[in-house]
Amino acid sequence: MNEHFFQCPYCWEEISMLLDPSLSQTYIEDCEVCCNPIEIDVTFENNELVSLTVRDIEQ
C-alpha cells in the first residue's frame, strides 16, 4: 500500500489515502473531514501510479 494525498472537492481539505498499486479501480469513498461522497478513479501500471482523479458526486 502506498499513501497518496489529494484535496476533497467539497471542503478542500487535504486527505490521505492508502492505495493498493496492484489494483486500478473506480470507487466511492466519503471524505474523512466533511463526509461527502467522493468518486476516486485510480490507475496503476507496473505498480506505478499513472492517474488519480478525484471528483464530487452530483446529487
C-alpha atoms as a PDB file:
ATOM      1  CA  MET A   1       0.000   0.000   0.000  1.00  0.00           C
ATOM      2  CA  ASN A   2       1.159   3.491  -0.868  1.00  0.00           C
ATOM      3  CA  GLU A   3      -0.016   6.703   0.761  1.00  0.00           C
ATOM      4  CA  HIS A   4      -1.294   9.440  -1.563  1.00  0.00           C
ATOM      5  CA  PHE A   5      -2.724  12.877  -0.860  1.00  0.00           C
ATOM      6  CA  PHE A   6      -5.462  14.857  -2.599  1.00  0.00           C
ATOM      7  CA  GLN A   7      -7.887  17.687  -1.891  1.00  0.00           C
ATOM      8  CA  CYS A   8     -11.515  16.999  -1.159  1.00  0.00           C
ATOM      9  CA  PRO A   9     -13.657  18.559  -3.935  1.00  0.00           C
ATOM     10  CA  TYR A  10     -16.170  19.733  -1.316  1.00  0.00           C
ATOM     11  CA  CYS A  11     -14.273  21.098   1.694  1.00  0.00           C
ATOM     12  CA  TRP A  12     -10.803  21.436   0.058  1.00  0.00           C
ATOM     13  CA  GLU A  13      -9.083  19.736   2.989  1.00  0.00           C
ATOM     14  CA  GLU A  14      -6.063  17.592   2.197  1.00  0.00           C
ATOM     15  CA  ILE A  15      -6.951  13.900   2.505  1.00  0.00           C
ATOM     16  CA  SER A  16      -4.561  10.995   2.875  1.00  0.00           C
ATOM     17  CA  MET A  17      -5.425   7.665   1.308  1.00  0.00           C
ATOM     18  CA  LEU A  18      -3.702   4.298   1.111  1.00  0.00           C
ATOM     19  CA  LEU A  19      -3.818   2.862  -2.409  1.00  0.00           C
ATOM     20  CA  ASP A  20      -3.007  -0.668  -3.472  1.00  0.00           C
ATOM     21  CA  PRO A  21      -0.666  -0.496  -6.502  1.00  0.00           C
ATOM     22  CA  SER A  22      -1.843  -3.903  -7.702  1.00  0.00           C
ATOM     23  CA  LEU A  23      -5.360  -2.534  -8.409  1.00  0.00           C
ATOM     24  CA  SER A  24      -6.704   0.023 -10.856  1.00  0.00           C
ATOM     25  CA  GLN A  25     -10.258   0.873  -9.913  1.00  0.00           C
ATOM     26  CA  THR A  26     -13.036   3.414  -9.565  1.00  0.00           C
ATOM     27  CA  TYR A  27     -14.922   3.619  -6.312  1.00  0.00           C
ATOM     28  CA  ILE A  28     -16.717   5.981  -3.941  1.00  0.00           C
ATOM     29  CA  GLU A  29     -15.438   6.908  -0.514  1.00  0.00           C
ATOM     30  CA  ASP A  30     -16.645   9.520   1.957  1.00  0.00           C
ATOM     31  CA  CYS A  31     -14.375  12.427   2.841  1.00  0.00           C
ATOM     32  CA  GLU A  32     -12.926  11.862   6.307  1.00  0.00           C
ATOM     33  CA  VAL A  33     -13.446  15.556   7.144  1.00  0.00           C
ATOM     34  CA  CYS A  34     -16.830  16.602   5.686  1.00  0.00           C
ATOM     35  CA  CYS A  35     -18.315  13.118   4.995  1.00  0.00           C
ATOM     36  CA  ASN A  36     -19.410  13.933   1.434  1.00  0.00           C
ATOM     37  CA  PRO A  37     -19.085  11.152  -1.173  1.00  0.00           C
ATOM     38  CA  ILE A  38     -16.056  11.377  -3.457  1.00  0.00           C
ATOM     39  CA  GLU A  39     -15.564   9.380  -6.651  1.00  0.00           C
ATOM     40  CA  ILE A  40     -11.992   8.165  -6.893  1.00  0.00           C
ATOM     41  CA  ASP A  41     -10.529   6.783 -10.102  1.00  0.00           C
ATOM     42  CA  VAL A  42      -7.084   5.203  -9.719  1.00  0.00           C
ATOM     43  CA  THR A  43      -4.913   3.762 -12.474  1.00  0.00           C
ATOM     44  CA  PHE A  44      -1.659   1.903 -11.914  1.00  0.00           C
ATOM     45  CA  GLU A  45       0.722   0.443 -14.481  1.00  0.00           C
ATOM     46  CA  ASN A  46       3.617  -1.756 -13.355  1.00  0.00           C
ATOM     47  CA  ASN A  47       2.822  -0.796  -9.756  1.00  0.00           C
ATOM     48  CA  GLU A  48       3.313   2.906 -10.588  1.00  0.00           C
ATOM     49  CA  LEU A  49       0.518   5.435 -10.164  1.00  0.00           C
ATOM     50  CA  VAL A  50      -0.441   6.724 -13.618  1.00  0.00           C
ATOM     51  CA  SER A  51      -3.625   8.599 -12.769  1.00  0.00           C
ATOM     52  CA  LEU A  52      -5.569   9.644  -9.686  1.00  0.00           C
ATOM     53  CA  THR A  53      -8.793  11.510 -10.398  1.00  0.00           C
ATOM     54  CA  VAL A  54     -10.996  12.781  -7.601  1.00  0.00           C
ATOM     55  CA  ARG A  55     -14.400  14.355  -8.203  1.00  0.00           C
ATOM     56  CA  ASP A  56     -17.547  15.289  -6.385  1.00  0.00           C
ATOM     57  CA  ILE A  57     -20.699  13.301  -6.949  1.00  0.00           C
ATOM     58  CA  GLU A  58     -23.567  15.387  -8.202  1.00  0.00           C
ATOM     59  CA  GLN A  59     -26.600  14.823  -6.074  1.00  0.00           C
END
